[in-house]
PDB file of N, CA and C in Angstrom:
ATOM      1  N   UNK A   1     -10.755 -21.800   5.588  1.00  0.00           N
ATOM      2  CA  UNK A   1     -10.440 -20.695   4.709  1.00  0.00           C
ATOM      3  C   UNK A   1     -11.722 -20.237   4.029  1.00  0.00           C
ATOM      4  N   UNK A   2     -11.901 -18.932   3.953  1.00  0.00           N
ATOM      5  CA  UNK A   2     -13.057 -18.329   3.292  1.00  0.00           C
ATOM      6  C   UNK A   2     -12.693 -17.971   1.865  1.00  0.00           C
ATOM      7  N   UNK A   3     -13.682 -17.956   1.010  1.00  0.00           N
ATOM      8  CA  UNK A   3     -13.497 -17.533  -0.370  1.00  0.00           C
ATOM      9  C   UNK A   3     -14.396 -16.335  -0.614  1.00  0.00           C
ATOM     10  N   UNK A   4     -13.848 -15.312  -1.266  1.00  0.00           N
ATOM     11  CA  UNK A   4     -14.642 -14.149  -1.644  1.00  0.00           C
ATOM     12  C   UNK A   4     -14.509 -13.944  -3.141  1.00  0.00           C
ATOM     13  N   UNK A   5     -15.462 -13.235  -3.712  1.00  0.00           N
ATOM     14  CA  UNK A   5     -15.451 -12.974  -5.142  1.00  0.00           C
ATOM     15  C   UNK A   5     -15.066 -11.528  -5.388  1.00  0.00           C
ATOM     16  N   UNK A   6     -14.162 -11.317  -6.312  1.00  0.00           N
ATOM     17  CA  UNK A   6     -13.809  -9.969  -6.743  1.00  0.00           C
ATOM     18  C   UNK A   6     -14.675  -9.680  -7.967  1.00  0.00           C
ATOM     19  N   UNK A   7     -15.442  -8.583  -7.895  1.00  0.00           N
ATOM     20  CA  UNK A   7     -16.338  -8.246  -9.005  1.00  0.00           C
ATOM     21  C   UNK A   7     -15.552  -7.751 -10.207  1.00  0.00           C
ATOM     22  N   UNK A   8     -16.229  -7.596 -11.326  1.00  0.00           N
ATOM     23  CA  UNK A   8     -15.563  -7.121 -12.544  1.00  0.00           C
ATOM     24  C   UNK A   8     -15.016  -5.700 -12.360  1.00  0.00           C
ATOM     25  N   UNK A   9     -15.555  -4.959 -11.395  1.00  0.00           N
ATOM     26  CA  UNK A   9     -15.043  -3.610 -11.132  1.00  0.00           C
ATOM     27  C   UNK A   9     -13.951  -3.613 -10.053  1.00  0.00           C
ATOM     28  N   UNK A  10     -13.585  -4.813  -9.573  1.00  0.00           N
ATOM     29  CA  UNK A  10     -12.501  -4.907  -8.599  1.00  0.00           C
ATOM     30  C   UNK A  10     -12.946  -4.858  -7.149  1.00  0.00           C
ATOM     31  N   UNK A  11     -14.224  -4.837  -6.889  1.00  0.00           N
ATOM     32  CA  UNK A  11     -14.720  -4.781  -5.503  1.00  0.00           C
ATOM     33  C   UNK A  11     -14.794  -6.171  -4.897  1.00  0.00           C
ATOM     34  N   UNK A  12     -14.527  -6.226  -3.589  1.00  0.00           N
ATOM     35  CA  UNK A  12     -14.731  -7.474  -2.871  1.00  0.00           C
ATOM     36  C   UNK A  12     -15.374  -7.155  -1.538  1.00  0.00           C
ATOM     37  N   UNK A  13     -16.065  -8.123  -0.991  1.00  0.00           N
ATOM     38  CA  UNK A  13     -16.720  -7.955   0.300  1.00  0.00           C
ATOM     39  C   UNK A  13     -16.116  -8.946   1.277  1.00  0.00           C
ATOM     40  N   UNK A  14     -15.643  -8.429   2.399  1.00  0.00           N
ATOM     41  CA  UNK A  14     -15.096  -9.310   3.428  1.00  0.00           C
ATOM     42  C   UNK A  14     -16.252  -9.877   4.245  1.00  0.00           C
ATOM     43  N   UNK A  15     -16.233 -11.170   4.514  1.00  0.00           N
ATOM     44  CA  UNK A  15     -17.302 -11.771   5.312  1.00  0.00           C
ATOM     45  C   UNK A  15     -17.381 -11.136   6.703  1.00  0.00           C
ATOM     46  N   UNK A  16     -18.573 -11.118   7.251  1.00  0.00           N
ATOM     47  CA  UNK A  16     -18.815 -10.520   8.563  1.00  0.00           C
ATOM     48  C   UNK A  16     -17.862 -11.060   9.620  1.00  0.00           C
ATOM     49  N   UNK A  17     -17.686 -12.383   9.649  1.00  0.00           N
ATOM     50  CA  UNK A  17     -16.824 -12.972  10.690  1.00  0.00           C
ATOM     51  C   UNK A  17     -15.372 -12.520  10.547  1.00  0.00           C
ATOM     52  N   UNK A  18     -14.914 -12.271   9.339  1.00  0.00           N
ATOM     53  CA  UNK A  18     -13.555 -11.767   9.120  1.00  0.00           C
ATOM     54  C   UNK A  18     -13.459 -10.337   9.644  1.00  0.00           C
ATOM     55  N   UNK A  19     -14.444  -9.504   9.314  1.00  0.00           N
ATOM     56  CA  UNK A  19     -14.436  -8.107   9.791  1.00  0.00           C
ATOM     57  C   UNK A  19     -14.478  -8.063  11.308  1.00  0.00           C
ATOM     58  N   UNK A  20     -15.284  -8.918  11.924  1.00  0.00           N
ATOM     59  CA  UNK A  20     -15.356  -8.956  13.394  1.00  0.00           C
ATOM     60  C   UNK A  20     -14.014  -9.365  14.001  1.00  0.00           C
ATOM     61  N   UNK A  21     -13.384 -10.375  13.391  1.00  0.00           N
ATOM     62  CA  UNK A  21     -12.105 -10.879  13.897  1.00  0.00           C
ATOM     63  C   UNK A  21     -11.044  -9.793  13.994  1.00  0.00           C
ATOM     64  N   UNK A  22     -11.005  -8.898  13.003  1.00  0.00           N
ATOM     65  CA  UNK A  22      -9.982  -7.847  13.031  1.00  0.00           C
ATOM     66  C   UNK A  22     -10.522  -6.491  13.474  1.00  0.00           C
ATOM     67  N   UNK A  23     -11.776  -6.470  13.955  1.00  0.00           N
ATOM     68  CA  UNK A  23     -12.331  -5.263  14.557  1.00  0.00           C
ATOM     69  C   UNK A  23     -12.723  -4.174  13.582  1.00  0.00           C
ATOM     70  N   UNK A  24     -13.159  -4.533  12.388  1.00  0.00           N
ATOM     71  CA  UNK A  24     -13.606  -3.524  11.415  1.00  0.00           C
ATOM     72  C   UNK A  24     -15.078  -3.223  11.618  1.00  0.00           C
ATOM     73  N   UNK A  25     -15.390  -1.944  11.687  1.00  0.00           N
ATOM     74  CA  UNK A  25     -16.783  -1.516  11.805  1.00  0.00           C
ATOM     75  C   UNK A  25     -17.037  -0.414  10.802  1.00  0.00           C
ATOM     76  N   UNK A  26     -18.142  -0.492  10.091  1.00  0.00           N
ATOM     77  CA  UNK A  26     -18.479   0.547   9.119  1.00  0.00           C
ATOM     78  C   UNK A  26     -17.455   0.617   7.999  1.00  0.00           C
ATOM     79  N   UNK A  27     -17.437   1.767   7.332  1.00  0.00           N
ATOM     80  CA  UNK A  27     -16.466   1.949   6.246  1.00  0.00           C
ATOM     81  C   UNK A  27     -15.071   2.114   6.830  1.00  0.00           C
ATOM     82  N   UNK A  28     -14.103   1.474   6.211  1.00  0.00           N
ATOM     83  CA  UNK A  28     -12.727   1.525   6.693  1.00  0.00           C
ATOM     84  C   UNK A  28     -11.779   1.670   5.513  1.00  0.00           C
ATOM     85  N   UNK A  29     -10.870   2.616   5.598  1.00  0.00           N
ATOM     86  CA  UNK A  29      -9.818   2.749   4.595  1.00  0.00           C
ATOM     87  C   UNK A  29      -8.854   1.591   4.804  1.00  0.00           C
ATOM     88  N   UNK A  30      -8.426   0.984   3.707  1.00  0.00           N
ATOM     89  CA  UNK A  30      -7.503  -0.140   3.802  1.00  0.00           C
ATOM     90  C   UNK A  30      -6.222   0.169   3.029  1.00  0.00           C
ATOM     91  N   UNK A  31      -5.122  -0.315   3.566  1.00  0.00           N
ATOM     92  CA  UNK A  31      -3.818  -0.234   2.902  1.00  0.00           C
ATOM     93  C   UNK A  31      -3.643  -1.554   2.144  1.00  0.00           C
ATOM     94  N   UNK A  32      -3.166  -1.485   0.913  1.00  0.00           N
ATOM     95  CA  UNK A  32      -3.013  -2.683   0.091  1.00  0.00           C
ATOM     96  C   UNK A  32      -1.539  -2.925  -0.189  1.00  0.00           C
ATOM     97  N   UNK A  33      -1.095  -4.154   0.046  1.00  0.00           N
ATOM     98  CA  UNK A  33       0.275  -4.539  -0.246  1.00  0.00           C
ATOM     99  C   UNK A  33       0.233  -5.791  -1.122  1.00  0.00           C
ATOM    100  N   UNK A  34       1.075  -5.838  -2.118  1.00  0.00           N
ATOM    101  CA  UNK A  34       1.167  -7.013  -2.979  1.00  0.00           C
ATOM    102  C   UNK A  34       2.469  -7.728  -2.657  1.00  0.00           C
ATOM    103  N   UNK A  35       2.356  -8.996  -2.312  1.00  0.00           N
ATOM    104  CA  UNK A  35       3.526  -9.840  -2.065  1.00  0.00           C
ATOM    105  C   UNK A  35       3.653 -10.781  -3.255  1.00  0.00           C
ATOM    106  N   UNK A  36       4.441 -10.334  -4.235  1.00  0.00           N
ATOM    107  CA  UNK A  36       4.572 -11.113  -5.472  1.00  0.00           C
ATOM    108  C   UNK A  36       5.191 -12.479  -5.230  1.00  0.00           C
ATOM    109  N   UNK A  37       6.109 -12.567  -4.276  1.00  0.00           N
ATOM    110  CA  UNK A  37       6.792 -13.835  -4.015  1.00  0.00           C
ATOM    111  C   UNK A  37       5.809 -14.931  -3.609  1.00  0.00           C
ATOM    112  N   UNK A  38       4.776 -14.554  -2.865  1.00  0.00           N
ATOM    113  CA  UNK A  38       3.804 -15.559  -2.433  1.00  0.00           C
ATOM    114  C   UNK A  38       2.465 -15.407  -3.146  1.00  0.00           C
ATOM    115  N   UNK A  39       2.426 -14.547  -4.181  1.00  0.00           N
ATOM    116  CA  UNK A  39       1.206 -14.355  -4.965  1.00  0.00           C
ATOM    117  C   UNK A  39       0.027 -13.979  -4.058  1.00  0.00           C
ATOM    118  N   UNK A  40       0.268 -12.985  -3.191  1.00  0.00           N
ATOM    119  CA  UNK A  40      -0.735 -12.619  -2.198  1.00  0.00           C
ATOM    120  C   UNK A  40      -1.008 -11.115  -2.204  1.00  0.00           C
ATOM    121  N   UNK A  41      -2.231 -10.772  -1.849  1.00  0.00           N
ATOM    122  CA  UNK A  41      -2.624  -9.382  -1.622  1.00  0.00           C
ATOM    123  C   UNK A  41      -2.917  -9.275  -0.133  1.00  0.00           C
ATOM    124  N   UNK A  42      -2.292  -8.304   0.530  1.00  0.00           N
ATOM    125  CA  UNK A  42      -2.455  -8.125   1.969  1.00  0.00           C
ATOM    126  C   UNK A  42      -3.201  -6.817   2.209  1.00  0.00           C
ATOM    127  N   UNK A  43      -4.281  -6.894   2.962  1.00  0.00           N
ATOM    128  CA  UNK A  43      -5.068  -5.710   3.316  1.00  0.00           C
ATOM    129  C   UNK A  43      -4.869  -5.422   4.798  1.00  0.00           C
ATOM    130  N   UNK A  44      -4.616  -4.154   5.119  1.00  0.00           N
ATOM    131  CA  UNK A  44      -4.501  -3.726   6.517  1.00  0.00           C
ATOM    132  C   UNK A  44      -5.334  -2.475   6.707  1.00  0.00           C
ATOM    133  N   UNK A  45      -6.028  -2.371   7.849  1.00  0.00           N
ATOM    134  CA  UNK A  45      -6.734  -1.116   8.119  1.00  0.00           C
ATOM    135  C   UNK A  45      -5.721   0.030   8.132  1.00  0.00           C
ATOM    136  N   UNK A  46      -6.034   1.098   7.430  1.00  0.00           N
ATOM    137  CA  UNK A  46      -5.135   2.249   7.357  1.00  0.00           C
ATOM    138  C   UNK A  46      -5.486   3.245   8.457  1.00  0.00           C
ATOM    139  N   UNK A  47      -4.467   3.832   9.019  1.00  0.00           N
ATOM    140  CA  UNK A  47      -4.656   4.881  10.021  1.00  0.00           C
ATOM    141  C   UNK A  47      -4.269   6.193   9.359  1.00  0.00           C
ATOM    142  N   UNK A  48      -5.218   7.093   9.260  1.00  0.00           N
ATOM    143  CA  UNK A  48      -4.941   8.386   8.661  1.00  0.00           C
ATOM    144  C   UNK A  48      -4.607   9.367   9.761  1.00  0.00           C
ATOM    145  N   UNK A  49      -3.576  10.175   9.541  1.00  0.00           N
ATOM    146  CA  UNK A  49      -3.219  11.171  10.533  1.00  0.00           C
ATOM    147  C   UNK A  49      -2.953  12.507   9.858  1.00  0.00           C
ATOM    148  N   UNK A  50      -3.034  13.531  10.658  1.00  0.00           N
ATOM    149  CA  UNK A  50      -2.809  14.875  10.136  1.00  0.00           C
ATOM    150  C   UNK A  50      -1.339  15.057   9.804  1.00  0.00           C
ATOM    151  N   UNK A  51      -1.080  15.797   8.766  1.00  0.00           N
ATOM    152  CA  UNK A  51       0.297  16.027   8.311  1.00  0.00           C
ATOM    153  C   UNK A  51       1.171  16.577   9.427  1.00  0.00           C
ATOM    154  N   UNK A  52       0.632  17.471  10.235  1.00  0.00           N
ATOM    155  CA  UNK A  52       1.439  18.074  11.299  1.00  0.00           C
ATOM    156  C   UNK A  52       1.832  17.067  12.387  1.00  0.00           C
ATOM    157  N   UNK A  53       1.182  15.908  12.428  1.00  0.00           N
ATOM    158  CA  UNK A  53       1.528  14.881  13.399  1.00  0.00           C
ATOM    159  C   UNK A  53       2.435  13.795  12.812  1.00  0.00           C
ATOM    160  N   UNK A  54       2.718  13.874  11.530  1.00  0.00           N
ATOM    161  CA  UNK A  54       3.479  12.828  10.851  1.00  0.00           C
ATOM    162  C   UNK A  54       4.915  12.715  11.368  1.00  0.00           C
ATOM    163  N   UNK A  55       5.491  13.785  11.907  1.00  0.00           N
ATOM    164  CA  UNK A  55       6.868  13.751  12.407  1.00  0.00           C
ATOM    165  C   UNK A  55       7.056  12.639  13.434  1.00  0.00           C
ATOM    166  N   UNK A  56       6.008  12.342  14.199  1.00  0.00           N
ATOM    167  CA  UNK A  56       6.119  11.346  15.270  1.00  0.00           C
ATOM    168  C   UNK A  56       6.308   9.935  14.728  1.00  0.00           C
ATOM    169  N   UNK A  57       6.081   9.754  13.437  1.00  0.00           N
ATOM    170  CA  UNK A  57       6.167   8.415  12.851  1.00  0.00           C
ATOM    171  C   UNK A  57       7.349   8.276  11.895  1.00  0.00           C
ATOM    172  N   UNK A  58       8.232   9.264  11.880  1.00  0.00           N
ATOM    173  CA  UNK A  58       9.420   9.167  11.033  1.00  0.00           C
ATOM    174  C   UNK A  58      10.370   8.134  11.633  1.00  0.00           C
ATOM    175  N   UNK A  59      11.194   7.499  10.812  1.00  0.00           N
ATOM    176  CA  UNK A  59      12.153   6.520  11.347  1.00  0.00           C
ATOM    177  C   UNK A  59      13.057   7.114  12.422  1.00  0.00           C
ATOM    178  N   UNK A  60      13.463   8.375  12.251  1.00  0.00           N
ATOM    179  CA  UNK A  60      14.350   9.017  13.235  1.00  0.00           C
ATOM    180  C   UNK A  60      13.660   9.133  14.594  1.00  0.00           C
ATOM    181  N   UNK A  61      12.407   9.573  14.601  1.00  0.00           N
ATOM    182  CA  UNK A  61      11.712   9.736  15.873  1.00  0.00           C
ATOM    183  C   UNK A  61      11.394   8.380  16.503  1.00  0.00           C
ATOM    184  N   UNK A  62      11.050   7.400  15.682  1.00  0.00           N
ATOM    185  CA  UNK A  62      10.782   6.062  16.204  1.00  0.00           C
ATOM    186  C   UNK A  62      12.057   5.468  16.818  1.00  0.00           C
ATOM    187  N   UNK A  63      13.217   5.750  16.228  1.00  0.00           N
ATOM    188  CA  UNK A  63      14.485   5.295  16.810  1.00  0.00           C
ATOM    189  C   UNK A  63      14.724   5.957  18.169  1.00  0.00           C
ATOM    190  N   UNK A  64      14.449   7.265  18.265  1.00  0.00           N
ATOM    191  CA  UNK A  64      14.593   7.962  19.552  1.00  0.00           C
ATOM    192  C   UNK A  64      13.689   7.349  20.619  1.00  0.00           C
ATOM    193  N   UNK A  65      12.451   7.043  20.234  1.00  0.00           N
ATOM    194  CA  UNK A  65      11.523   6.428  21.186  1.00  0.00           C
ATOM    195  C   UNK A  65      12.023   5.055  21.622  1.00  0.00           C
ATOM    196  N   UNK A  66      12.518   4.276  20.681  1.00  0.00           N
ATOM    197  CA  UNK A  66      13.034   2.944  21.019  1.00  0.00           C
ATOM    198  C   UNK A  66      14.197   3.063  21.992  1.00  0.00           C
ATOM    199  N   UNK A  67      15.082   4.037  21.767  1.00  0.00           N
ATOM    200  CA  UNK A  67      16.213   4.245  22.687  1.00  0.00           C
ATOM    201  C   UNK A  67      15.713   4.660  24.061  1.00  0.00           C
ATOM    202  N   UNK A  68      14.726   5.540  24.105  1.00  0.00           N
ATOM    203  CA  UNK A  68      14.186   6.002  25.387  1.00  0.00           C
ATOM    204  C   UNK A  68      13.544   4.846  26.154  1.00  0.00           C
ATOM    205  N   UNK A  69      12.799   4.002  25.461  1.00  0.00           N
ATOM    206  CA  UNK A  69      12.177   2.847  26.120  1.00  0.00           C
ATOM    207  C   UNK A  69      13.239   1.866  26.623  1.00  0.00           C
ATOM    208  N   UNK A  70      14.285   1.670  25.843  1.00  0.00           N
ATOM    209  CA  UNK A  70      15.380   0.786  26.254  1.00  0.00           C
ATOM    210  C   UNK A  70      16.070   1.353  27.500  1.00  0.00           C
ATOM    211  N   UNK A  71      16.345   2.655  27.505  1.00  0.00           N
ATOM    212  CA  UNK A  71      16.952   3.293  28.685  1.00  0.00           C
ATOM    213  C   UNK A  71      16.069   3.114  29.910  1.00  0.00           C
ATOM    214  N   UNK A  72      14.774   3.290  29.717  1.00  0.00           N
ATOM    215  CA  UNK A  72      13.835   3.149  30.825  1.00  0.00           C
ATOM    216  C   UNK A  72      13.838   1.718  31.367  1.00  0.00           C
ATOM    217  N   UNK A  73      13.767   0.738  30.468  1.00  0.00           N
ATOM    218  CA  UNK A  73      13.781  -0.671  30.893  1.00  0.00           C
ATOM    219  C   UNK A  73      15.061  -1.025  31.636  1.00  0.00           C
ATOM    220  N   UNK A  74      16.170  -0.421  31.237  1.00  0.00           N
ATOM    221  CA  UNK A  74      17.467  -0.736  31.837  1.00  0.00           C
ATOM    222  C   UNK A  74      17.807   0.157  33.030  1.00  0.00           C
ATOM    223  N   UNK A  75      16.835   0.949  33.471  1.00  0.00           N
ATOM    224  CA  UNK A  75      17.017   1.730  34.688  1.00  0.00           C
ATOM    225  C   UNK A  75      17.725   3.059  34.515  1.00  0.00           C
ATOM    226  N   UNK A  76      17.989   3.462  33.294  1.00  0.00           N
ATOM    227  CA  UNK A  76      18.646   4.752  33.070  1.00  0.00           C
ATOM    228  C   UNK A  76      17.571   5.835  32.956  1.00  0.00           C
ATOM    229  N   UNK A  77      16.946   6.107  34.091  1.00  0.00           N
ATOM    230  CA  UNK A  77      15.839   7.057  34.137  1.00  0.00           C
ATOM    231  C   UNK A  77      16.122   8.082  35.224  1.00  0.00           C
ATOM    232  N   UNK A  78      15.762   9.294  34.959  1.00  0.00           N
ATOM    233  CA  UNK A  78      15.961  10.354  35.934  1.00  0.00           C
ATOM    234  C   UNK A  78      14.626  11.033  36.167  1.00  0.00           C
ATOM    235  N   UNK A  79      14.239  11.178  37.407  1.00  0.00           N
ATOM    236  CA  UNK A  79      12.980  11.836  37.721  1.00  0.00           C
ATOM    237  C   UNK A  79      13.252  13.296  38.042  1.00  0.00           C
ATOM    238  N   UNK A  80      12.435  14.162  37.463  1.00  0.00           N
ATOM    239  CA  UNK A  80      12.561  15.600  37.703  1.00  0.00           C
ATOM    240  C   UNK A  80      11.272  16.118  38.314  1.00  0.00           C
ATOM    241  N   UNK A  81      11.414  16.963  39.308  1.00  0.00           N
ATOM    242  CA  UNK A  81      10.257  17.613  39.904  1.00  0.00           C
ATOM    243  C   UNK A  81      10.040  18.972  39.261  1.00  0.00           C
ATOM    244  N   UNK A  82       9.028  19.681  39.700  1.00  0.00           N
ATOM    245  CA  UNK A  82       8.711  21.004  39.142  1.00  0.00           C
ATOM    246  C   UNK A  82       9.888  21.957  39.308  1.00  0.00           C
ATOM    247  N   UNK A  83      10.539  21.924  40.466  1.00  0.00           N
ATOM    248  CA  UNK A  83      11.684  22.804  40.710  1.00  0.00           C
ATOM    249  C   UNK A  83      12.830  22.524  39.738  1.00  0.00           C
ATOM    250  N   UNK A  84      13.061  21.247  39.478  1.00  0.00           N
ATOM    251  CA  UNK A  84      14.120  20.866  38.533  1.00  0.00           C
ATOM    252  C   UNK A  84      13.798  21.386  37.135  1.00  0.00           C
ATOM    253  N   UNK A  85      12.568  21.263  36.746  1.00  0.00           N
ATOM    254  CA  UNK A  85      12.157  21.728  35.426  1.00  0.00           C
ATOM    255  C   UNK A  85      12.278  23.257  35.303  1.00  0.00           C
ATOM    256  N   UNK A  86      11.889  23.954  36.362  1.00  0.00           N
ATOM    257  CA  UNK A  86      12.008  25.412  36.351  1.00  0.00           C
ATOM    258  C   UNK A  86      13.472  25.826  36.259  1.00  0.00           C
ATOM    259  N   UNK A  87      14.351  25.122  36.956  1.00  0.00           N
ATOM    260  CA  UNK A  87      15.786  25.435  36.907  1.00  0.00           C
ATOM    261  C   UNK A  87      16.339  25.202  35.512  1.00  0.00           C
ATOM    262  N   UNK A  88      15.865  24.182  34.823  1.00  0.00           N
ATOM    263  CA  UNK A  88      16.318  23.932  33.452  1.00  0.00           C
ATOM    264  C   UNK A  88      15.831  24.998  32.487  1.00  0.00           C
ATOM    265  N   UNK A  89      14.647  25.526  32.775  1.00  0.00           N
ATOM    266  CA  UNK A  89      14.049  26.532  31.899  1.00  0.00           C
ATOM    267  C   UNK A  89      14.663  27.910  32.048  1.00  0.00           C
ATOM    268  N   UNK A  90      15.485  28.109  33.012  1.00  0.00           N
ATOM    269  CA  UNK A  90      16.159  29.393  33.159  1.00  0.00           C
ATOM    270  C   UNK A  90      15.492  30.189  34.153  1.00  0.00           C
TER     271      UNK A  90
END
């Protein structure tokens, strides 16, 4: 286990080997979570995305994707060719 010091201004430095282990390079935005039950602070690299792309990460869309992947795994897949797509388009 590594020990780090939190400065009086709240800054901490992650050791090089820790950053390498989780693939951090350069400056990285981090998400902070407090787990009061275990008296822990959890840091995760944050992924920033454009607002117009946020719909893809809503619970509703993630549920649709999970259903689609389940259908695919269970063989409920239909292949469409260009002609089929044109017929659907009118």
